[in-house]
Amino acid sequence: MALNVFDHDEYRPPVWKSYLYQLQQEAPHPRRVTCTCEVENRPKYYGREYHGMISREEADQLLSQAEGSYLIRESQRQPGTYTLALRFGNQTRNFRLYHDGKHFVGEKRFESIHDLVTDGLITLYIETKAAEYIAKMTINPIYEHVGYTTLNQEPSLRKHLTQSPEAPDGPVSAIDGCNAEERLTSLVRRATLRESDLAPKYEKVHNFKVHTFRGPHWCEYCANFMWGLIAQGVKCADCGLNVHKQCSKVVPNDCQPDLRHVKKVYSCDLTTLVKAHNTKRPMVVDMCIQEIEARGLQSEGLYRISGFSELIEDVKLAFDRDGEKADISSNAYEDINIITGALKLYFRELPIPLITYDAYPRFIETGKITDPEKRLEFLHEALKLLPPAHCETLRYLMAHLKRVTQYEKENLMSSENLGIVFGPTLMRAPELDAMTALNDIRYQRLVVETLITNEDVLF
């Protein structure tokens, strides 16, 4: 069955590929070779498949009976370390075993040795039988033709489904007989949607995490089966895109975060948040600044005086729970320092600071320049290193802080004072030693002070 999402004559989406699925079904099954005698000092997390300290030759002889046979032995060369001996391709393969509450050889972790061996046999079999096919999977991806936008609703796709007599990837397995709608992944559903014209065109990389899928699953980049028992591929935590690990390396930086996946405001990547909410800047920044400017510009010690931490935490929870519907008015929080504290906390908790780790060294260098004209010139270039959403948010914040300084007689907050407050809040040293980070504080202050004073020139 083909999924004809568009009517373009030059492109016909491929059949959902079942070749790799068939290979998974053909993979050898694990056959545990049990030890018939009692073994001393057997680790509690191994069962009768543990044979103690036997040689490679002895293990090879025990496993010669069938493909998929396996046992565990203690290394003779390194006592206290354990090896999984596995029969595959008419030879014994040895893998160093580790246990940290779960069993693992590589990055995947398993509840049982049986599951580890099952997954290993599937991977070995598919990568042996289909190495050339796998190497070519990303050459003609369905992703490039179908397109990609955020899924915020469930459109009907029945009108897009048509029967195709072609099956370029070999015989169709039983899985192709399943209900069509059960087989559709979010890629195809997304293809029927158009990105809102109002959405800011911010580029964003996908936030891929290793993921275990329930039941058979297909890659939304190349449309091939995602094989393995667990952790078959990766899933974008922000938009839900599911792809092979190798395909994730070639997926464009076009993540469209979905509010169903982005469930918090604080501690969320800034670009992810604005794309999920379809805004130019984080709503928490806009709302807090609007509230501060409405009733707090003349408040003495604005941003310098701390509000009650419990109430600031309460504002944070309100934004995480209610988003733009959070109530931060004077009826809810009379003290404006609660709102300024909530805004500073938002910037402190960003996983990537507003002035990003990548751009940090360049900004610090500008702070060391004594000539005002050269500092502005270098600062202008440094701003180009920021992601668009970060730069826009920084521009909006600096314009606000400049307005704060216009009430300096009342609030006693100069650009220098605000630089002291916001320097460490907006800039964090990327893994520098304590002494270097301490020395950077004065340059952080100078950078923010210059950004405030020259906001109209720099942005």
Protein backbone atom coordinates (compact mmCIF):
# COMPACT_ATOMS: atom_id res chain seq x y z
CA MET A 1 0.00 0.00 0.00
CA ALA A 2 1.37 3.43 -0.94
CA LEU A 3 0.66 6.68 0.83
CA ASN A 4 -0.02 9.29 -1.84
CA VAL A 5 -0.03 12.43 0.25
CA PHE A 6 0.52 14.79 -2.67
CA ASP A 7 -0.65 14.72 -6.28
CA HIS A 8 2.75 15.67 -7.69
CA ASP A 9 3.45 13.50 -10.74
CA GLU A 10 7.21 13.56 -10.21
CA TYR A 11 7.00 11.94 -6.80
CA ARG A 12 5.28 8.87 -5.48
CA PRO A 13 5.87 8.03 -1.81
CA PRO A 14 7.42 4.58 -1.42
CA VAL A 15 5.70 1.50 -0.10
CA TRP A 16 6.15 1.01 3.61
CA LYS A 17 9.24 -1.19 3.48
CA SER A 18 8.92 -4.64 4.97
CA TYR A 19 12.29 -6.15 3.96
CA LEU A 20 14.00 -5.40 7.27
CA TYR A 21 10.91 -6.55 9.16
CA GLN A 22 11.13 -9.91 7.39
CA LEU A 23 14.80 -10.23 8.28
CA GLN A 24 14.00 -9.61 11.94
CA GLN A 25 11.55 -12.52 11.83
CA GLU A 26 14.26 -14.74 10.30
CA ALA A 27 16.93 -13.90 12.89
CA PRO A 28 18.18 -16.83 15.02
CA HIS A 29 16.47 -17.32 18.36
CA PRO A 30 18.50 -17.39 21.59
CA ARG A 31 19.36 -20.86 22.93
CA ARG A 32 20.65 -20.84 26.48
CA VAL A 33 23.38 -23.41 27.17
CA THR A 34 23.00 -24.24 30.86
CA CYS A 35 25.72 -25.40 33.20
CA THR A 36 25.00 -28.86 34.66
CA CYS A 37 27.25 -28.51 37.69
CA GLU A 38 27.31 -26.13 40.62
CA VAL A 39 29.56 -23.12 40.09
CA GLU A 40 31.10 -21.28 43.01
CA ASN A 41 30.83 -17.50 43.32
CA ARG A 42 28.09 -17.23 40.73
CA PRO A 43 27.05 -13.53 40.42
CA LYS A 44 23.48 -13.18 41.69
CA TYR A 45 22.34 -11.48 38.47
CA TYR A 46 23.30 -14.47 36.24
CA GLY A 47 21.42 -17.73 35.98
CA ARG A 48 22.29 -21.27 34.85
CA GLU A 49 23.80 -19.85 31.64
CA TYR A 50 26.83 -18.94 33.81
CA HIS A 51 29.66 -21.50 33.48
CA GLY A 52 32.35 -19.98 35.67
CA MET A 53 35.96 -19.61 34.56
CA ILE A 54 36.13 -21.69 31.39
CA SER A 55 38.36 -21.09 28.38
CA ARG A 56 37.33 -19.70 25.00
CA GLU A 57 37.94 -23.14 23.49
CA GLU A 58 35.62 -24.82 26.02
CA ALA A 59 32.94 -22.20 25.37
CA ASP A 60 33.30 -22.67 21.62
CA GLN A 61 32.80 -26.42 21.95
CA LEU A 62 29.69 -26.00 24.11
CA LEU A 63 28.15 -23.52 21.66
CA SER A 64 28.88 -25.44 18.46
CA GLN A 65 25.50 -27.20 18.55
CA ALA A 66 23.34 -24.39 17.08
CA GLU A 67 23.08 -20.76 15.90
CA GLY A 68 21.98 -18.44 18.69
CA SER A 69 23.48 -20.58 21.45
CA TYR A 70 24.94 -18.54 24.30
CA LEU A 71 26.55 -18.78 27.70
CA ILE A 72 28.37 -16.54 30.17
CA ARG A 73 31.86 -17.20 31.46
CA GLU A 74 34.34 -15.47 33.73
CA SER A 75 37.46 -14.26 31.98
CA GLN A 76 40.62 -16.27 32.68
CA ARG A 77 42.79 -13.29 31.77
CA GLN A 78 40.84 -10.77 33.86
CA PRO A 79 39.14 -12.50 36.82
CA GLY A 80 36.06 -10.64 38.01
CA THR A 81 35.05 -9.64 34.48
CA TYR A 82 32.40 -11.53 32.51
CA THR A 83 31.99 -12.42 28.86
CA LEU A 84 28.93 -13.29 26.80
CA ALA A 85 29.87 -16.03 24.33
CA LEU A 86 27.41 -16.15 21.45
CA ARG A 87 27.21 -18.43 18.41
CA PHE A 88 26.47 -16.53 15.23
CA GLY A 89 27.53 -17.08 11.61
CA ASN A 90 29.08 -20.46 12.49
CA GLN A 91 31.56 -18.85 14.85
CA THR A 92 31.66 -17.89 18.51
CA ARG A 93 31.61 -14.18 19.25
CA ASN A 94 32.69 -12.85 22.63
CA PHE A 95 31.34 -9.64 24.21
CA ARG A 96 32.41 -8.01 27.48
CA LEU A 97 29.37 -7.87 29.80
CA TYR A 98 28.49 -5.14 32.28
CA HIS A 99 25.81 -4.83 34.93
CA ASP A 100 24.59 -1.69 36.70
CA GLY A 101 21.17 -2.95 37.69
CA LYS A 102 20.59 -3.92 34.08
CA HIS A 103 22.63 -6.02 31.66
CA PHE A 104 24.45 -4.29 28.83
CA VAL A 105 27.21 -4.58 26.25
CA GLY A 106 26.85 -1.24 24.44
CA GLU A 107 24.46 1.64 25.11
CA LYS A 108 21.28 -0.45 25.39
CA ARG A 109 20.30 -1.86 28.79
CA PHE A 110 18.23 -5.00 29.31
CA GLU A 111 16.27 -6.50 32.17
CA SER A 112 17.53 -9.98 31.30
CA ILE A 113 20.39 -11.67 29.47
CA HIS A 114 17.80 -13.41 27.28
CA ASP A 115 16.52 -10.03 26.02
CA LEU A 116 20.06 -8.79 25.45
CA VAL A 117 20.90 -11.87 23.36
CA THR A 118 17.62 -11.63 21.42
CA ASP A 119 18.32 -8.01 20.51
CA GLY A 120 21.94 -8.79 19.68
CA LEU A 121 21.01 -11.65 17.33
CA ILE A 122 18.46 -9.46 15.53
CA THR A 123 21.02 -6.69 15.06
CA LEU A 124 23.81 -9.05 13.95
CA TYR A 125 21.52 -10.85 11.51
CA ILE A 126 20.07 -7.72 9.90
CA GLU A 127 23.39 -5.90 9.68
CA THR A 128 25.01 -8.99 8.15
CA LYS A 129 22.27 -9.74 5.63
CA ALA A 130 21.37 -6.16 4.69
CA ALA A 131 24.58 -4.14 5.18
CA GLU A 132 24.48 -2.71 1.66
CA TYR A 133 20.75 -1.98 1.89
CA ILE A 134 21.17 -0.20 5.25
CA ALA A 135 24.04 1.89 3.86
CA LYS A 136 21.71 3.20 1.13
CA MET A 137 18.61 3.80 3.28
CA THR A 138 19.11 7.55 3.61
CA ILE A 139 19.76 8.22 -0.09
CA ASN A 140 16.13 8.66 -1.17
CA PRO A 141 14.23 9.46 2.02
CA ILE A 142 10.47 9.85 2.09
CA TYR A 143 11.06 12.79 4.46
CA GLU A 144 12.32 15.09 1.70
CA HIS A 145 9.26 14.53 -0.45
CA VAL A 146 6.46 14.38 2.08
CA GLY A 147 7.54 17.45 4.06
CA TYR A 148 7.27 18.12 7.76
CA THR A 149 5.13 20.35 9.97
CA THR A 150 3.88 20.19 13.53
CA LEU A 151 0.89 17.99 14.25
CA ASN A 152 -1.62 19.79 16.46
CA GLN A 153 -4.74 18.03 15.30
CA GLU A 154 -5.79 14.71 13.78
CA PRO A 155 -6.85 15.20 10.14
CA SER A 156 -8.45 12.35 8.22
CA LEU A 157 -6.13 10.68 5.77
CA ARG A 158 -8.40 8.15 4.21
CA LYS A 159 -8.70 10.17 1.02
CA HIS A 160 -4.90 10.07 0.70
CA LEU A 161 -4.63 6.28 0.87
CA THR A 162 -4.51 4.38 -2.40
CA GLN A 163 -3.59 0.84 -3.32
CA SER A 164 -0.30 0.28 -5.11
CA PRO A 165 0.56 -2.96 -6.93
CA GLU A 166 4.28 -2.24 -6.58
CA ALA A 167 6.39 -3.75 -3.82
CA PRO A 168 9.99 -2.71 -4.51
CA ASP A 169 11.33 -4.04 -1.25
CA GLY A 170 10.55 -7.68 -1.69
CA PRO A 171 7.52 -9.74 -0.66
CA VAL A 172 5.08 -7.99 1.63
CA SER A 173 5.05 -9.54 5.07
CA ALA A 174 2.08 -10.19 7.28
CA ILE A 175 2.54 -6.82 8.88
CA ASP A 176 1.31 -5.17 5.66
CA GLY A 177 -2.06 -6.76 6.26
CA CYS A 178 -2.62 -4.71 9.40
CA ASN A 179 -5.17 -1.94 9.58
CA ALA A 180 -3.84 1.01 7.57
CA GLU A 181 -4.54 3.63 10.19
CA GLU A 182 -2.65 1.64 12.83
CA ARG A 183 0.41 1.72 10.58
CA LEU A 184 0.34 5.45 9.95
CA THR A 185 2.97 7.33 11.88
CA SER A 186 2.97 11.01 12.68
CA LEU A 187 5.11 11.79 9.62
CA VAL A 188 2.27 11.05 7.21
CA ARG A 189 -0.31 12.81 9.35
CA ARG A 190 1.94 15.86 9.56
CA ALA A 191 2.23 15.93 5.78
CA THR A 192 -1.38 17.04 5.41
CA LEU A 193 -0.81 20.16 7.50
CA ARG A 194 0.71 23.47 6.57
CA GLU A 195 2.90 25.47 8.88
CA SER A 196 1.21 28.65 10.03
CA ASP A 197 2.31 31.71 8.09
CA LEU A 198 2.53 33.51 11.43
CA ALA A 199 5.06 31.09 12.89
CA PRO A 200 8.53 32.62 13.38
CA LYS A 201 10.99 30.99 11.01
CA TYR A 202 13.42 29.94 13.72
CA GLU A 203 15.63 26.97 12.86
CA LYS A 204 15.79 24.28 15.53
CA VAL A 205 17.67 21.00 15.80
CA HIS A 206 15.73 17.92 16.86
CA ASN A 207 16.10 16.80 20.46
CA PHE A 208 16.60 13.08 19.81
CA LYS A 209 16.53 10.57 22.67
CA VAL A 210 16.95 6.79 22.47
CA HIS A 211 13.47 5.29 22.49
CA THR A 212 11.79 1.89 22.76
CA PHE A 213 8.73 1.50 20.54
CA ARG A 214 5.79 -0.74 21.25
CA GLY A 215 5.20 -3.10 18.36
CA PRO A 216 6.60 -2.78 14.82
CA HIS A 217 7.65 0.76 13.94
CA TRP A 218 8.90 2.50 10.81
CA CYS A 219 11.42 5.32 10.44
CA GLU A 220 9.81 8.63 9.53
CA TYR A 221 12.86 9.69 7.53
CA CYS A 222 13.56 6.72 5.25
CA ALA A 223 10.32 4.72 5.79
CA ASN A 224 12.27 1.55 6.63
CA PHE A 225 11.50 -0.80 9.51
CA MET A 226 13.14 0.04 12.85
CA TRP A 227 14.55 -3.27 14.03
CA GLY A 228 15.54 -4.56 17.43
CA LEU A 229 13.86 -5.69 20.63
CA ILE A 230 14.30 -2.42 22.56
CA ALA A 231 15.72 1.05 21.82
CA GLN A 232 15.10 0.50 18.12
CA GLY A 233 15.72 4.14 17.26
CA VAL A 234 15.46 7.69 18.52
CA LYS A 235 12.49 9.98 19.15
CA CYS A 236 12.54 13.77 19.20
CA ALA A 237 11.41 14.76 22.69
CA ASP A 238 10.07 18.06 21.35
CA CYS A 239 8.14 17.12 18.20
CA GLY A 240 7.79 13.33 18.36
CA LEU A 241 9.70 12.52 15.14
CA ASN A 242 10.76 8.84 15.14
CA VAL A 243 13.83 7.82 13.13
CA HIS A 244 16.70 5.36 13.00
CA LYS A 245 19.76 6.49 14.92
CA GLN A 246 21.74 6.67 11.66
CA CYS A 247 18.95 8.66 9.99
CA SER A 248 18.94 11.20 12.84
CA LYS A 249 22.35 12.39 11.64
CA VAL A 250 20.93 13.59 8.31
CA VAL A 251 17.52 14.92 9.37
CA PRO A 252 17.36 18.70 8.68
CA ASN A 253 17.25 21.17 11.57
CA ASP A 254 13.52 21.73 11.12
CA CYS A 255 12.06 20.56 14.42
CA GLN A 256 8.51 21.83 14.93
CA PRO A 257 7.87 21.33 18.67
CA ASP A 258 4.46 20.06 19.66
CA LEU A 259 2.75 21.27 22.84
CA ARG A 260 1.87 17.66 23.61
CA HIS A 261 5.59 17.00 24.09
CA VAL A 262 6.68 20.40 25.46
CA LYS A 263 4.93 20.37 28.83
CA LYS A 264 6.78 23.02 30.78
CA VAL A 265 7.95 26.61 30.43
CA TYR A 266 10.87 26.87 32.84
CA SER A 267 13.97 24.76 32.11
CA CYS A 268 12.78 24.32 28.52
CA ASP A 269 15.07 25.18 25.61
CA LEU A 270 14.21 28.74 24.52
CA THR A 271 13.83 28.03 20.79
CA THR A 272 11.78 24.94 21.56
CA LEU A 273 9.40 26.97 23.73
CA VAL A 274 8.79 29.78 21.24
CA LYS A 275 8.25 27.37 18.34
CA ALA A 276 5.85 25.25 20.40
CA HIS A 277 3.81 28.31 21.35
CA ASN A 278 4.21 29.97 17.94
CA THR A 279 5.61 33.20 19.41
CA LYS A 280 8.62 35.42 18.72
CA ARG A 281 9.76 35.31 22.35
CA PRO A 282 9.01 33.17 25.40
CA MET A 283 5.62 34.21 26.73
CA VAL A 284 7.02 34.32 30.28
CA VAL A 285 9.43 37.09 29.18
CA ASP A 286 6.72 39.13 27.46
CA MET A 287 4.22 38.76 30.29
CA CYS A 288 6.66 39.55 33.11
CA ILE A 289 8.11 42.59 31.33
CA GLN A 290 4.65 43.95 30.49
CA GLU A 291 3.62 43.54 34.13
CA ILE A 292 6.81 45.18 35.43
CA GLU A 293 6.49 48.13 33.06
CA ALA A 294 2.82 48.58 33.96
CA ARG A 295 3.40 48.96 37.70
CA GLY A 296 7.01 48.66 38.73
CA LEU A 297 9.37 50.96 36.81
CA GLN A 298 9.59 53.43 39.70
CA SER A 299 10.04 50.73 42.36
CA GLU A 300 13.27 51.31 44.29
CA GLY A 301 15.84 48.57 43.80
CA LEU A 302 13.95 47.00 40.88
CA TYR A 303 15.65 43.67 39.96
CA ARG A 304 18.15 44.15 42.81
CA ILE A 305 15.74 43.46 45.68
CA SER A 306 14.69 39.80 45.88
CA GLY A 307 11.11 38.71 46.34
CA PHE A 308 10.04 35.81 48.57
CA SER A 309 11.47 32.64 47.04
CA GLU A 310 8.33 30.62 47.79
CA LEU A 311 6.16 33.07 45.85
CA ILE A 312 8.65 33.19 42.96
CA GLU A 313 8.45 29.40 42.83
CA ASP A 314 4.67 29.76 42.82
CA VAL A 315 4.85 31.98 39.71
CA LYS A 316 7.12 29.42 38.04
CA LEU A 317 4.60 26.65 38.72
CA ALA A 318 1.79 28.84 37.39
CA PHE A 319 3.62 29.34 34.08
CA ASP A 320 4.48 25.63 33.82
CA ARG A 321 0.87 24.70 34.54
CA ASP A 322 -1.11 27.44 32.77
CA GLY A 323 1.28 28.94 30.21
CA GLU A 324 0.04 32.29 28.88
CA LYS A 325 -3.06 31.98 31.09
CA ALA A 326 -0.97 32.32 34.27
CA ASP A 327 -2.18 35.15 36.52
CA ILE A 328 0.73 37.40 37.54
CA SER A 329 -1.33 40.54 38.10
CA SER A 330 -1.19 42.68 41.24
CA ASN A 331 -4.26 40.81 42.50
CA ALA A 332 -2.21 37.61 42.62
CA TYR A 333 1.23 39.07 43.45
CA GLU A 334 1.22 42.59 44.85
CA ASP A 335 5.00 42.74 45.31
CA ILE A 336 6.59 43.50 41.90
CA ASN A 337 9.83 41.90 43.13
CA ILE A 338 8.08 38.54 42.86
CA ILE A 339 7.65 39.11 39.12
CA THR A 340 11.21 40.37 38.59
CA GLY A 341 12.44 37.34 40.55
CA ALA A 342 10.37 35.01 38.35
CA LEU A 343 11.84 36.60 35.20
CA LYS A 344 15.43 36.26 36.45
CA LEU A 345 14.72 32.67 37.50
CA TYR A 346 13.48 31.87 33.99
CA PHE A 347 16.79 33.01 32.49
CA ARG A 348 18.83 31.21 35.16
CA GLU A 349 17.06 27.91 34.51
CA LEU A 350 17.46 27.94 30.72
CA PRO A 351 19.36 24.76 29.76
CA ILE A 352 21.25 26.86 27.19
CA PRO A 353 21.77 30.43 28.49
CA LEU A 354 20.32 33.40 26.63
CA ILE A 355 23.89 34.24 25.58
CA THR A 356 24.72 30.71 24.53
CA TYR A 357 27.74 28.64 25.53
CA ASP A 358 28.99 28.74 21.93
CA ALA A 359 28.86 32.55 21.82
CA TYR A 360 30.10 33.09 25.39
CA PRO A 361 33.86 33.36 24.63
CA ARG A 362 33.26 35.99 21.94
CA PHE A 363 31.10 38.10 24.26
CA ILE A 364 33.69 37.88 27.04
CA GLU A 365 36.37 39.04 24.60
CA THR A 366 34.28 42.11 23.75
CA GLY A 367 34.06 42.90 27.46
CA LYS A 368 37.87 43.06 27.59
CA ILE A 369 38.08 45.69 24.84
CA THR A 370 38.63 49.13 26.34
CA ASP A 371 37.95 51.21 23.23
CA PRO A 372 34.19 51.96 23.19
CA GLU A 373 33.90 52.03 19.39
CA LYS A 374 35.77 48.76 18.93
CA ARG A 375 33.74 47.15 21.72
CA LEU A 376 30.51 48.04 19.92
CA GLU A 377 31.89 46.73 16.63
CA PHE A 378 32.93 43.40 18.17
CA LEU A 379 29.69 43.15 20.14
CA HIS A 380 27.67 43.60 16.95
CA GLU A 381 29.55 40.67 15.41
CA ALA A 382 29.13 38.55 18.56
CA LEU A 383 25.35 39.00 18.42
CA LYS A 384 25.34 37.26 15.03
CA LEU A 385 26.45 34.05 16.78
CA LEU A 386 23.22 33.82 18.76
CA PRO A 387 20.30 31.71 17.51
CA PRO A 388 17.53 34.01 16.15
CA ALA A 389 15.13 33.33 19.04
CA HIS A 390 17.87 34.08 21.59
CA CYS A 391 18.86 37.28 19.79
CA GLU A 392 15.26 38.51 19.56
CA THR A 393 14.66 37.78 23.27
CA LEU A 394 17.90 39.55 24.21
CA ARG A 395 16.88 42.58 22.11
CA TYR A 396 13.49 42.78 23.82
CA LEU A 397 15.02 42.41 27.28
CA MET A 398 17.69 45.07 26.66
CA ALA A 399 15.07 47.52 25.38
CA HIS A 400 13.12 46.92 28.58
CA LEU A 401 16.18 47.38 30.81
CA LYS A 402 16.99 50.62 29.02
CA ARG A 403 13.50 51.86 29.89
CA VAL A 404 14.21 50.84 33.50
CA THR A 405 17.29 53.11 33.49
CA GLN A 406 15.14 56.04 32.36
CA TYR A 407 13.57 55.93 35.83
CA GLU A 408 16.94 55.75 37.60
CA LYS A 409 16.12 58.68 39.91
CA GLU A 410 13.18 56.72 41.31
CA ASN A 411 14.35 53.09 41.13
CA LEU A 412 18.10 53.77 41.66
CA MET A 413 18.95 51.23 38.94
CA SER A 414 21.60 52.36 36.46
CA SER A 415 22.83 50.32 33.49
CA GLU A 416 25.88 49.42 35.61
CA ASN A 417 23.66 48.12 38.44
CA LEU A 418 21.55 46.13 35.97
CA GLY A 419 24.74 44.74 34.41
CA ILE A 420 25.78 43.44 37.84
CA VAL A 421 22.38 41.75 38.28
CA PHE A 422 21.94 40.35 34.77
CA GLY A 423 25.54 39.52 33.80
CA PRO A 424 25.70 36.11 35.55
CA THR A 425 21.97 35.58 34.83
CA LEU A 426 22.28 35.81 31.05
CA MET A 427 25.82 34.44 30.67
CA ARG A 428 27.21 31.22 32.13
CA ALA A 429 30.75 30.05 31.62
CA PRO A 430 30.90 26.72 29.74
CA GLU A 431 32.80 24.40 32.09
CA LEU A 432 35.52 26.85 33.08
CA ASP A 433 37.55 26.46 36.25
CA ALA A 434 36.35 28.43 39.27
CA MET A 435 39.05 31.11 39.06
CA THR A 436 38.45 31.84 35.37
CA ALA A 437 34.68 31.97 35.93
CA LEU A 438 35.22 34.39 38.81
CA ASN A 439 37.39 36.66 36.66
CA ASP A 440 34.74 36.63 33.94
CA ILE A 441 32.10 38.24 36.19
CA ARG A 442 33.37 41.78 35.61
CA TYR A 443 33.36 41.24 31.85
CA GLN A 444 29.84 39.83 32.01
CA ARG A 445 28.75 43.03 33.74
CA LEU A 446 30.47 45.21 31.13
CA VAL A 447 28.86 43.27 28.25
CA VAL A 448 25.32 43.61 29.64
CA GLU A 449 25.90 47.25 30.56
CA THR A 450 27.05 47.98 26.99
CA LEU A 451 24.08 46.09 25.53
CA ILE A 452 21.66 48.18 27.61
CA THR A 453 23.28 51.52 26.90
CA ASN A 454 23.60 50.89 23.15
CA GLU A 455 20.44 48.84 22.62
CA ASP A 456 19.20 51.10 19.83
CA VAL A 457 22.51 50.84 17.94
CA LEU A 458 23.27 47.14 18.40
CA PHE A 459 19.90 45.59 17.54
